[in-house]
Amino acid sequence: MSFQAYLDTIEEKTGLTPRQFIALAQERGFDAPSTKAGTIIDWLKQDYDLGRGHAMALVHVIKKGPKIDAKHVGTSGSHRDESDILWLDGKATRPETA
């Protein structure tokens, strides 16, 4: 599953976009450099019933923003993404890719 697909699945399950999760995490102070991934994972599991893989996708965007490593862009593997910038504003507003 691509990084973007993880985020899309989270949105389908919870009704919240990645950008909304970032805002919720900021309200809790989870975007602080000292916040450990496990703290965020526990919150996402408890409040949204997200598994570890999906939660880790959100941990990345909460802590590091939408840019991902370009090594997965355009590869043929199951984790291939179309871009090294993730769309955080919801599936319905994502521009079409050529």
PDB file of N, CA and C in Angstrom:
ATOM      1  N   MET A   1       0.857  -1.177   0.000  1.00  0.00           N
ATOM      2  CA  MET A   1       0.000   0.000   0.000  1.00  0.00           C
ATOM      3  C   MET A   1       0.899   1.235   0.000  1.00  0.00           C
ATOM      4  N   SER A   2       0.594   2.172  -0.870  1.00  0.00           N
ATOM      5  CA  SER A   2       1.388   3.395  -0.920  1.00  0.00           C
ATOM      6  C   SER A   2       1.114   4.264   0.309  1.00  0.00           C
ATOM      7  N   PHE A   3       2.005   5.184   0.548  1.00  0.00           N
ATOM      8  CA  PHE A   3       1.865   6.118   1.661  1.00  0.00           C
ATOM      9  C   PHE A   3       0.545   6.881   1.517  1.00  0.00           C
ATOM     10  N   GLN A   4       0.269   7.373   0.310  1.00  0.00           N
ATOM     11  CA  GLN A   4      -0.964   8.124   0.075  1.00  0.00           C
ATOM     12  C   GLN A   4      -2.185   7.235   0.292  1.00  0.00           C
ATOM     13  N   ALA A   5      -2.091   5.970  -0.113  1.00  0.00           N
ATOM     14  CA  ALA A   5      -3.215   5.042   0.086  1.00  0.00           C
ATOM     15  C   ALA A   5      -3.495   4.834   1.573  1.00  0.00           C
ATOM     16  N   TYR A   6      -2.453   4.782   2.389  1.00  0.00           N
ATOM     17  CA  TYR A   6      -2.662   4.698   3.836  1.00  0.00           C
ATOM     18  C   TYR A   6      -3.481   5.892   4.318  1.00  0.00           C
ATOM     19  N   LEU A   7      -3.086   7.092   3.884  1.00  0.00           N
ATOM     20  CA  LEU A   7      -3.806   8.294   4.316  1.00  0.00           C
ATOM     21  C   LEU A   7      -5.245   8.301   3.810  1.00  0.00           C
ATOM     22  N   ASP A   8      -5.450   7.847   2.586  1.00  0.00           N
ATOM     23  CA  ASP A   8      -6.806   7.786   2.034  1.00  0.00           C
ATOM     24  C   ASP A   8      -7.676   6.802   2.815  1.00  0.00           C
ATOM     25  N   THR A   9      -7.110   5.676   3.184  1.00  0.00           N
ATOM     26  CA  THR A   9      -7.852   4.674   3.955  1.00  0.00           C
ATOM     27  C   THR A   9      -8.215   5.214   5.333  1.00  0.00           C
ATOM     28  N   ILE A  10      -7.302   5.949   5.943  1.00  0.00           N
ATOM     29  CA  ILE A  10      -7.580   6.567   7.244  1.00  0.00           C
ATOM     30  C   ILE A  10      -8.753   7.526   7.123  1.00  0.00           C
ATOM     31  N   GLU A  11      -8.766   8.313   6.066  1.00  0.00           N
ATOM     32  CA  GLU A  11      -9.865   9.254   5.850  1.00  0.00           C
ATOM     33  C   GLU A  11     -11.188   8.511   5.672  1.00  0.00           C
ATOM     34  N   GLU A  12     -11.174   7.424   4.909  1.00  0.00           N
ATOM     35  CA  GLU A  12     -12.397   6.636   4.706  1.00  0.00           C
ATOM     36  C   GLU A  12     -12.904   6.076   6.031  1.00  0.00           C
ATOM     37  N   LYS A  13     -11.989   5.603   6.868  1.00  0.00           N
ATOM     38  CA  LYS A  13     -12.372   4.979   8.140  1.00  0.00           C
ATOM     39  C   LYS A  13     -12.861   5.992   9.167  1.00  0.00           C
ATOM     40  N   THR A  14     -12.203   7.142   9.237  1.00  0.00           N
ATOM     41  CA  THR A  14     -12.476   8.087  10.321  1.00  0.00           C
ATOM     42  C   THR A  14     -13.296   9.305   9.900  1.00  0.00           C
ATOM     43  N   GLY A  15     -13.310   9.604   8.601  1.00  0.00           N
ATOM     44  CA  GLY A  15     -13.980  10.815   8.129  1.00  0.00           C
ATOM     45  C   GLY A  15     -13.124  12.066   8.303  1.00  0.00           C
ATOM     46  N   LEU A  16     -11.875  11.895   8.737  1.00  0.00           N
ATOM     47  CA  LEU A  16     -10.973  13.024   8.963  1.00  0.00           C
ATOM     48  C   LEU A  16      -9.832  12.991   7.953  1.00  0.00           C
ATOM     49  N   THR A  17      -9.479  14.159   7.435  1.00  0.00           N
ATOM     50  CA  THR A  17      -8.354  14.255   6.516  1.00  0.00           C
ATOM     51  C   THR A  17      -7.045  14.256   7.308  1.00  0.00           C
ATOM     52  N   PRO A  18      -5.950  13.970   6.638  1.00  0.00           N
ATOM     53  CA  PRO A  18      -4.661  14.065   7.332  1.00  0.00           C
ATOM     54  C   PRO A  18      -4.432  15.451   7.934  1.00  0.00           C
ATOM     55  N   ARG A  19      -4.827  16.495   7.236  1.00  0.00           N
ATOM     56  CA  ARG A  19      -4.642  17.852   7.761  1.00  0.00           C
ATOM     57  C   ARG A  19      -5.439  18.041   9.052  1.00  0.00           C
ATOM     58  N   GLN A  20      -6.624  17.462   9.147  1.00  0.00           N
ATOM     59  CA  GLN A  20      -7.405  17.548  10.382  1.00  0.00           C
ATOM     60  C   GLN A  20      -6.710  16.793  11.519  1.00  0.00           C
ATOM     61  N   PHE A  21      -6.102  15.658  11.204  1.00  0.00           N
ATOM     62  CA  PHE A  21      -5.349  14.933  12.230  1.00  0.00           C
ATOM     63  C   PHE A  21      -4.147  15.740  12.702  1.00  0.00           C
ATOM     64  N   ILE A  22      -3.495  16.428  11.789  1.00  0.00           N
ATOM     65  CA  ILE A  22      -2.365  17.279  12.176  1.00  0.00           C
ATOM     66  C   ILE A  22      -2.834  18.340  13.167  1.00  0.00           C
ATOM     67  N   ALA A  23      -3.966  18.964  12.874  1.00  0.00           N
ATOM     68  CA  ALA A  23      -4.501  19.996  13.774  1.00  0.00           C
ATOM     69  C   ALA A  23      -4.844  19.406  15.146  1.00  0.00           C
ATOM     70  N   LEU A  24      -5.451  18.233  15.168  1.00  0.00           N
ATOM     71  CA  LEU A  24      -5.786  17.581  16.437  1.00  0.00           C
ATOM     72  C   LEU A  24      -4.522  17.249  17.227  1.00  0.00           C
ATOM     73  N   ALA A  25      -3.504  16.770  16.521  1.00  0.00           N
ATOM     74  CA  ALA A  25      -2.238  16.443  17.180  1.00  0.00           C
ATOM     75  C   ALA A  25      -1.585  17.706  17.745  1.00  0.00           C
ATOM     76  N   GLN A  26      -1.637  18.797  17.000  1.00  0.00           N
ATOM     77  CA  GLN A  26      -1.066  20.057  17.477  1.00  0.00           C
ATOM     78  C   GLN A  26      -1.789  20.539  18.731  1.00  0.00           C
ATOM     79  N   GLU A  27      -3.109  20.388  18.768  1.00  0.00           N
ATOM     80  CA  GLU A  27      -3.878  20.780  19.957  1.00  0.00           C
ATOM     81  C   GLU A  27      -3.406  20.022  21.197  1.00  0.00           C
ATOM     82  N   ARG A  28      -2.963  18.785  20.996  1.00  0.00           N
ATOM     83  CA  ARG A  28      -2.506  17.945  22.107  1.00  0.00           C
ATOM     84  C   ARG A  28      -0.997  18.098  22.369  1.00  0.00           C
ATOM     85  N   GLY A  29      -0.327  18.866  21.529  1.00  0.00           N
ATOM     86  CA  GLY A  29       1.111  19.039  21.677  1.00  0.00           C
ATOM     87  C   GLY A  29       1.924  17.887  21.118  1.00  0.00           C
ATOM     88  N   PHE A  30       1.288  17.017  20.336  1.00  0.00           N
ATOM     89  CA  PHE A  30       1.969  15.839  19.804  1.00  0.00           C
ATOM     90  C   PHE A  30       2.920  16.167  18.658  1.00  0.00           C
ATOM     91  N   ASP A  31       2.923  17.392  18.177  1.00  0.00           N
ATOM     92  CA  ASP A  31       3.860  17.776  17.131  1.00  0.00           C
ATOM     93  C   ASP A  31       5.201  18.241  17.708  1.00  0.00           C
ATOM     94  N   ALA A  32       5.304  18.273  19.010  1.00  0.00           N
ATOM     95  CA  ALA A  32       6.550  18.684  19.665  1.00  0.00           C
ATOM     96  C   ALA A  32       7.663  17.686  19.332  1.00  0.00           C
ATOM     97  N   PRO A  33       8.881  18.173  19.145  1.00  0.00           N
ATOM     98  CA  PRO A  33       9.994  17.265  18.831  1.00  0.00           C
ATOM     99  C   PRO A  33      10.191  16.160  19.870  1.00  0.00           C
ATOM    100  N   SER A  34       9.832  16.426  21.113  1.00  0.00           N
ATOM    101  CA  SER A  34      10.042  15.434  22.170  1.00  0.00           C
ATOM    102  C   SER A  34       8.966  14.341  22.211  1.00  0.00           C
ATOM    103  N   THR A  35       7.876  14.517  21.477  1.00  0.00           N
ATOM    104  CA  THR A  35       6.803  13.517  21.491  1.00  0.00           C
ATOM    105  C   THR A  35       7.251  12.269  20.745  1.00  0.00           C
ATOM    106  N   LYS A  36       7.143  11.152  21.398  1.00  0.00           N
ATOM    107  CA  LYS A  36       7.526   9.867  20.810  1.00  0.00           C
ATOM    108  C   LYS A  36       6.403   9.331  19.935  1.00  0.00           C
ATOM    109  N   ALA A  37       6.773   8.590  18.909  1.00  0.00           N
ATOM    110  CA  ALA A  37       5.793   7.993  18.007  1.00  0.00           C
ATOM    111  C   ALA A  37       4.788   7.139  18.770  1.00  0.00           C
ATOM    112  N   GLY A  38       5.252   6.413  19.772  1.00  0.00           N
ATOM    113  CA  GLY A  38       4.357   5.548  20.542  1.00  0.00           C
ATOM    114  C   GLY A  38       3.211   6.294  21.201  1.00  0.00           C
ATOM    115  N   THR A  39       3.463   7.506  21.618  1.00  0.00           N
ATOM    116  CA  THR A  39       2.411   8.329  22.225  1.00  0.00           C
ATOM    117  C   THR A  39       1.319   8.625  21.210  1.00  0.00           C
ATOM    118  N   ILE A  40       1.728   8.976  20.002  1.00  0.00           N
ATOM    119  CA  ILE A  40       0.765   9.287  18.937  1.00  0.00           C
ATOM    120  C   ILE A  40       0.035   8.017  18.504  1.00  0.00           C
ATOM    121  N   ILE A  41       0.768   6.922  18.373  1.00  0.00           N
ATOM    122  CA  ILE A  41       0.150   5.648  17.997  1.00  0.00           C
ATOM    123  C   ILE A  41      -0.900   5.239  19.010  1.00  0.00           C
ATOM    124  N   ASP A  42      -0.587   5.361  20.286  1.00  0.00           N
ATOM    125  CA  ASP A  42      -1.555   5.005  21.335  1.00  0.00           C
ATOM    126  C   ASP A  42      -2.809   5.863  21.231  1.00  0.00           C
ATOM    127  N   TRP A  43      -2.659   7.166  21.012  1.00  0.00           N
ATOM    128  CA  TRP A  43      -3.807   8.068  20.865  1.00  0.00           C
ATOM    129  C   TRP A  43      -4.659   7.653  19.671  1.00  0.00           C
ATOM    130  N   LEU A  44      -4.026   7.392  18.530  1.00  0.00           N
ATOM    131  CA  LEU A  44      -4.771   7.033  17.322  1.00  0.00           C
ATOM    132  C   LEU A  44      -5.465   5.679  17.463  1.00  0.00           C
ATOM    133  N   LYS A  45      -4.852   4.747  18.170  1.00  0.00           N
ATOM    134  CA  LYS A  45      -5.477   3.449  18.423  1.00  0.00           C
ATOM    135  C   LYS A  45      -6.683   3.612  19.347  1.00  0.00           C
ATOM    136  N   GLN A  46      -6.499   4.342  20.435  1.00  0.00           N
ATOM    137  CA  GLN A  46      -7.561   4.494  21.425  1.00  0.00           C
ATOM    138  C   GLN A  46      -8.746   5.287  20.881  1.00  0.00           C
ATOM    139  N   ASP A  47      -8.482   6.411  20.242  1.00  0.00           N
ATOM    140  CA  ASP A  47      -9.568   7.297  19.808  1.00  0.00           C
ATOM    141  C   ASP A  47     -10.132   6.967  18.435  1.00  0.00           C
ATOM    142  N   TYR A  48      -9.331   6.317  17.568  1.00  0.00           N
ATOM    143  CA  TYR A  48      -9.768   6.106  16.186  1.00  0.00           C
ATOM    144  C   TYR A  48      -9.621   4.670  15.709  1.00  0.00           C
ATOM    145  N   ASP A  49      -9.176   3.775  16.583  1.00  0.00           N
ATOM    146  CA  ASP A  49      -9.013   2.355  16.272  1.00  0.00           C
ATOM    147  C   ASP A  49      -8.129   2.130  15.044  1.00  0.00           C
ATOM    148  N   LEU A  50      -7.054   2.916  14.930  1.00  0.00           N
ATOM    149  CA  LEU A  50      -6.123   2.745  13.816  1.00  0.00           C
ATOM    150  C   LEU A  50      -5.025   1.770  14.210  1.00  0.00           C
ATOM    151  N   GLY A  51      -4.654   0.928  13.271  1.00  0.00           N
ATOM    152  CA  GLY A  51      -3.551   0.008  13.487  1.00  0.00           C
ATOM    153  C   GLY A  51      -2.211   0.717  13.359  1.00  0.00           C
ATOM    154  N   ARG A  52      -1.162  -0.009  13.652  1.00  0.00           N
ATOM    155  CA  ARG A  52       0.173   0.582  13.700  1.00  0.00           C
ATOM    156  C   ARG A  52       0.622   1.169  12.358  1.00  0.00           C
ATOM    157  N   GLY A  53       0.434   0.458  11.259  1.00  0.00           N
ATOM    158  CA  GLY A  53       0.870   0.958   9.956  1.00  0.00           C
ATOM    159  C   GLY A  53       0.194   2.256   9.579  1.00  0.00           C
ATOM    160  N   HIS A  54      -1.113   2.302   9.748  1.00  0.00           N
ATOM    161  CA  HIS A  54      -1.853   3.522   9.440  1.00  0.00           C
ATOM    162  C   HIS A  54      -1.463   4.652  10.383  1.00  0.00           C
ATOM    163  N   ALA A  55      -1.306   4.309  11.649  1.00  0.00           N
ATOM    164  CA  ALA A  55      -0.902   5.327  12.622  1.00  0.00           C
ATOM    165  C   ALA A  55       0.481   5.874  12.298  1.00  0.00           C
ATOM    166  N   MET A  56       1.395   5.015  11.856  1.00  0.00           N
ATOM    167  CA  MET A  56       2.743   5.484  11.521  1.00  0.00           C
ATOM    168  C   MET A  56       2.715   6.433  10.319  1.00  0.00           C
ATOM    169  N   ALA A  57       1.802   6.234   9.392  1.00  0.00           N
ATOM    170  CA  ALA A  57       1.675   7.177   8.278  1.00  0.00           C
ATOM    171  C   ALA A  57       1.301   8.555   8.816  1.00  0.00           C
ATOM    172  N   LEU A  58       0.387   8.582   9.779  1.00  0.00           N
ATOM    173  CA  LEU A  58       0.011   9.865  10.379  1.00  0.00           C
ATOM    174  C   LEU A  58       1.129  10.429  11.239  1.00  0.00           C
ATOM    175  N   VAL A  59       1.859   9.587  11.931  1.00  0.00           N
ATOM    176  CA  VAL A  59       3.003  10.064  12.718  1.00  0.00           C
ATOM    177  C   VAL A  59       3.954  10.824  11.798  1.00  0.00           C
ATOM    178  N   HIS A  60       4.201  10.275  10.625  1.00  0.00           N
ATOM    179  CA  HIS A  60       5.113  10.944   9.685  1.00  0.00           C
ATOM    180  C   HIS A  60       4.621  12.337   9.341  1.00  0.00           C
ATOM    181  N   VAL A  61       3.365  12.467   8.941  1.00  0.00           N
ATOM    182  CA  VAL A  61       2.888  13.789   8.513  1.00  0.00           C
ATOM    183  C   VAL A  61       2.741  14.745   9.698  1.00  0.00           C
ATOM    184  N   ILE A  62       2.469  14.232  10.873  1.00  0.00           N
ATOM    185  CA  ILE A  62       2.380  15.083  12.065  1.00  0.00           C
ATOM    186  C   ILE A  62       3.765  15.618  12.426  1.00  0.00           C
ATOM    187  N   LYS A  63       4.759  14.763  12.384  1.00  0.00           N
ATOM    188  CA  LYS A  63       6.101  15.138  12.835  1.00  0.00           C
ATOM    189  C   LYS A  63       6.976  15.736  11.729  1.00  0.00           C
ATOM    190  N   LYS A  64       6.760  15.314  10.474  1.00  0.00           N
ATOM    191  CA  LYS A  64       7.682  15.707   9.404  1.00  0.00           C
ATOM    192  C   LYS A  64       7.025  16.446   8.239  1.00  0.00           C
ATOM    193  N   GLY A  65       5.700  16.479   8.200  1.00  0.00           N
ATOM    194  CA  GLY A  65       5.031  17.153   7.100  1.00  0.00           C
ATOM    195  C   GLY A  65       4.765  16.219   5.928  1.00  0.00           C
ATOM    196  N   PRO A  66       4.342  16.768   4.787  1.00  0.00           N
ATOM    197  CA  PRO A  66       3.877  15.949   3.668  1.00  0.00           C
ATOM    198  C   PRO A  66       4.970  15.381   2.761  1.00  0.00           C
ATOM    199  N   LYS A  67       6.212  15.783   2.922  1.00  0.00           N
ATOM    200  CA  LYS A  67       7.280  15.313   2.026  1.00  0.00           C
ATOM    201  C   LYS A  67       7.753  13.932   2.472  1.00  0.00           C
ATOM    202  N   ILE A  68       7.827  13.018   1.497  1.00  0.00           N
ATOM    203  CA  ILE A  68       8.329  11.673   1.764  1.00  0.00           C
ATOM    204  C   ILE A  68       9.584  11.440   0.937  1.00  0.00           C
ATOM    205  N   ASP A  69      10.292  10.383   1.256  1.00  0.00           N
ATOM    206  CA  ASP A  69      11.513  10.035   0.540  1.00  0.00           C
ATOM    207  C   ASP A  69      11.171   9.706  -0.912  1.00  0.00           C
ATOM    208  N   ALA A  70      11.889  10.285  -1.832  1.00  0.00           N
ATOM    209  CA  ALA A  70      11.637  10.095  -3.261  1.00  0.00           C
ATOM    210  C   ALA A  70      11.954   8.676  -3.734  1.00  0.00           C
ATOM    211  N   LYS A  71      12.602   7.868  -2.914  1.00  0.00           N
ATOM    212  CA  LYS A  71      12.972   6.520  -3.367  1.00  0.00           C
ATOM    213  C   LYS A  71      11.759   5.653  -3.696  1.00  0.00           C
ATOM    214  N   HIS A  72      10.596   5.996  -3.173  1.00  0.00           N
ATOM    215  CA  HIS A  72       9.392   5.205  -3.454  1.00  0.00           C
ATOM    216  C   HIS A  72       8.565   5.765  -4.606  1.00  0.00           C
ATOM    217  N   VAL A  73       8.942   6.902  -5.105  1.00  0.00           N
ATOM    218  CA  VAL A  73       8.171   7.538  -6.178  1.00  0.00           C
ATOM    219  C   VAL A  73       8.538   6.899  -7.511  1.00  0.00           C
ATOM    220  N   GLY A  74       7.509   6.416  -8.201  1.00  0.00           N
ATOM    221  CA  GLY A  74       7.727   5.842  -9.517  1.00  0.00           C
ATOM    222  C   GLY A  74       8.296   4.440  -9.519  1.00  0.00           C
ATOM    223  N   THR A  75       8.497   3.831  -8.365  1.00  0.00           N
ATOM    224  CA  THR A  75       8.983   2.456  -8.324  1.00  0.00           C
ATOM    225  C   THR A  75       7.829   1.523  -8.642  1.00  0.00           C
ATOM    226  N   SER A  76       8.128   0.274  -8.784  1.00  0.00           N
ATOM    227  CA  SER A  76       7.081  -0.682  -9.128  1.00  0.00           C
ATOM    228  C   SER A  76       6.577  -1.467  -7.925  1.00  0.00           C
ATOM    229  N   GLY A  77       7.098  -1.200  -6.756  1.00  0.00           N
ATOM    230  CA  GLY A  77       6.703  -1.938  -5.564  1.00  0.00           C
ATOM    231  C   GLY A  77       5.328  -1.550  -5.053  1.00  0.00           C
ATOM    232  N   SER A  78       4.865  -2.295  -4.069  1.00  0.00           N
ATOM    233  CA  SER A  78       3.525  -2.053  -3.514  1.00  0.00           C
ATOM    234  C   SER A  78       3.441  -0.745  -2.740  1.00  0.00           C
ATOM    235  N   HIS A  79       4.572  -0.185  -2.362  1.00  0.00           N
ATOM    236  CA  HIS A  79       4.577   1.066  -1.605  1.00  0.00           C
ATOM    237  C   HIS A  79       4.830   2.282  -2.495  1.00  0.00           C
ATOM    238  N   ARG A  80       4.668   2.130  -3.798  1.00  0.00           N
ATOM    239  CA  ARG A  80       4.948   3.189  -4.753  1.00  0.00           C
ATOM    240  C   ARG A  80       3.965   4.341  -4.609  1.00  0.00           C
ATOM    241  N   ASP A  81       4.490   5.553  -4.601  1.00  0.00           N
ATOM    242  CA  ASP A  81       3.666   6.757  -4.590  1.00  0.00           C
ATOM    243  C   ASP A  81       3.892   7.519  -5.885  1.00  0.00           C
ATOM    244  N   GLU A  82       2.916   8.325  -6.274  1.00  0.00           N
ATOM    245  CA  GLU A  82       2.999   9.113  -7.495  1.00  0.00           C
ATOM    246  C   GLU A  82       3.875  10.348  -7.325  1.00  0.00           C
ATOM    247  N   SER A  83       4.030  10.813  -6.098  1.00  0.00           N
ATOM    248  CA  SER A  83       4.745  12.049  -5.829  1.00  0.00           C
ATOM    249  C   SER A  83       5.452  11.939  -4.484  1.00  0.00           C
ATOM    250  N   ASP A  84       6.471  12.785  -4.290  1.00  0.00           N
ATOM    251  CA  ASP A  84       7.126  12.797  -2.983  1.00  0.00           C
ATOM    252  C   ASP A  84       6.463  13.788  -2.026  1.00  0.00           C
ATOM    253  N   ILE A  85       5.341  14.356  -2.456  1.00  0.00           N
ATOM    254  CA  ILE A  85       4.535  15.233  -1.605  1.00  0.00           C
ATOM    255  C   ILE A  85       3.163  14.591  -1.443  1.00  0.00           C
ATOM    256  N   LEU A  86       2.791  14.314  -0.214  1.00  0.00           N
ATOM    257  CA  LEU A  86       1.493  13.699   0.078  1.00  0.00           C
ATOM    258  C   LEU A  86       0.393  14.757   0.079  1.00  0.00           C
ATOM    259  N   TRP A  87      -0.787  14.369  -0.367  1.00  0.00           N
ATOM    260  CA  TRP A  87      -1.948  15.248  -0.347  1.00  0.00           C
ATOM    261  C   TRP A  87      -2.628  15.091   1.006  1.00  0.00           C
ATOM    262  N   LEU A  88      -2.759  16.189   1.749  1.00  0.00           N
ATOM    263  CA  LEU A  88      -3.270  16.133   3.119  1.00  0.00           C
ATOM    264  C   LEU A  88      -4.683  16.672   3.275  1.00  0.00           C
ATOM    265  N   ASP A  89      -5.267  17.165   2.202  1.00  0.00           N
ATOM    266  CA  ASP A  89      -6.550  17.858   2.317  1.00  0.00           C
ATOM    267  C   ASP A  89      -7.759  17.041   1.884  1.00  0.00           C
ATOM    268  N   GLY A  90      -7.619  15.747   1.812  1.00  0.00           N
ATOM    269  CA  GLY A  90      -8.754  14.884   1.531  1.00  0.00           C
ATOM    270  C   GLY A  90      -8.821  14.426   0.089  1.00  0.00           C
ATOM    271  N   LYS A  91      -9.321  13.218  -0.069  1.00  0.00           N
ATOM    272  CA  LYS A  91      -9.403  12.597  -1.389  1.00  0.00           C
ATOM    273  C   LYS A  91     -10.240  13.412  -2.363  1.00  0.00           C
ATOM    274  N   ALA A  92     -11.327  13.982  -1.897  1.00  0.00           N
ATOM    275  CA  ALA A  92     -12.253  14.692  -2.781  1.00  0.00           C
ATOM    276  C   ALA A  92     -11.632  15.933  -3.402  1.00  0.00           C
ATOM    277  N   THR A  93     -10.623  16.501  -2.759  1.00  0.00           N
ATOM    278  CA  THR A  93     -10.013  17.732  -3.274  1.00  0.00           C
ATOM    279  C   THR A  93      -8.670  17.499  -3.949  1.00  0.00           C
ATOM    280  N   ARG A  94      -8.221  16.249  -4.013  1.00  0.00           N
ATOM    281  CA  ARG A  94      -6.916  15.972  -4.613  1.00  0.00           C
ATOM    282  C   ARG A  94      -6.972  16.157  -6.129  1.00  0.00           C
ATOM    283  N   PRO A  95      -6.031  16.901  -6.655  1.00  0.00           N
ATOM    284  CA  PRO A  95      -5.978  17.076  -8.121  1.00  0.00           C
ATOM    285  C   PRO A  95      -5.733  15.741  -8.807  1.00  0.00           C
ATOM    286  N   GLU A  96      -6.272  15.606  -9.976  1.00  0.00           N
ATOM    287  CA  GLU A  96      -6.033  14.394 -10.773  1.00  0.00           C
ATOM    288  C   GLU A  96      -4.582  14.368 -11.226  1.00  0.00           C
ATOM    289  N   THR A  97      -4.006  13.176 -11.238  1.00  0.00           N
ATOM    290  CA  THR A  97      -2.649  13.046 -11.762  1.00  0.00           C
ATOM    291  C   THR A  97      -2.719  12.513 -13.182  1.00  0.00           C
ATOM    292  N   ALA A  98      -1.801  12.931 -13.980  1.00  0.00           N
ATOM    293  CA  ALA A  98      -1.809  12.515 -15.397  1.00  0.00           C
ATOM    294  C   ALA A  98      -1.287  11.113 -15.545  1.00  0.00           C
TER     295      ALA A  98
END
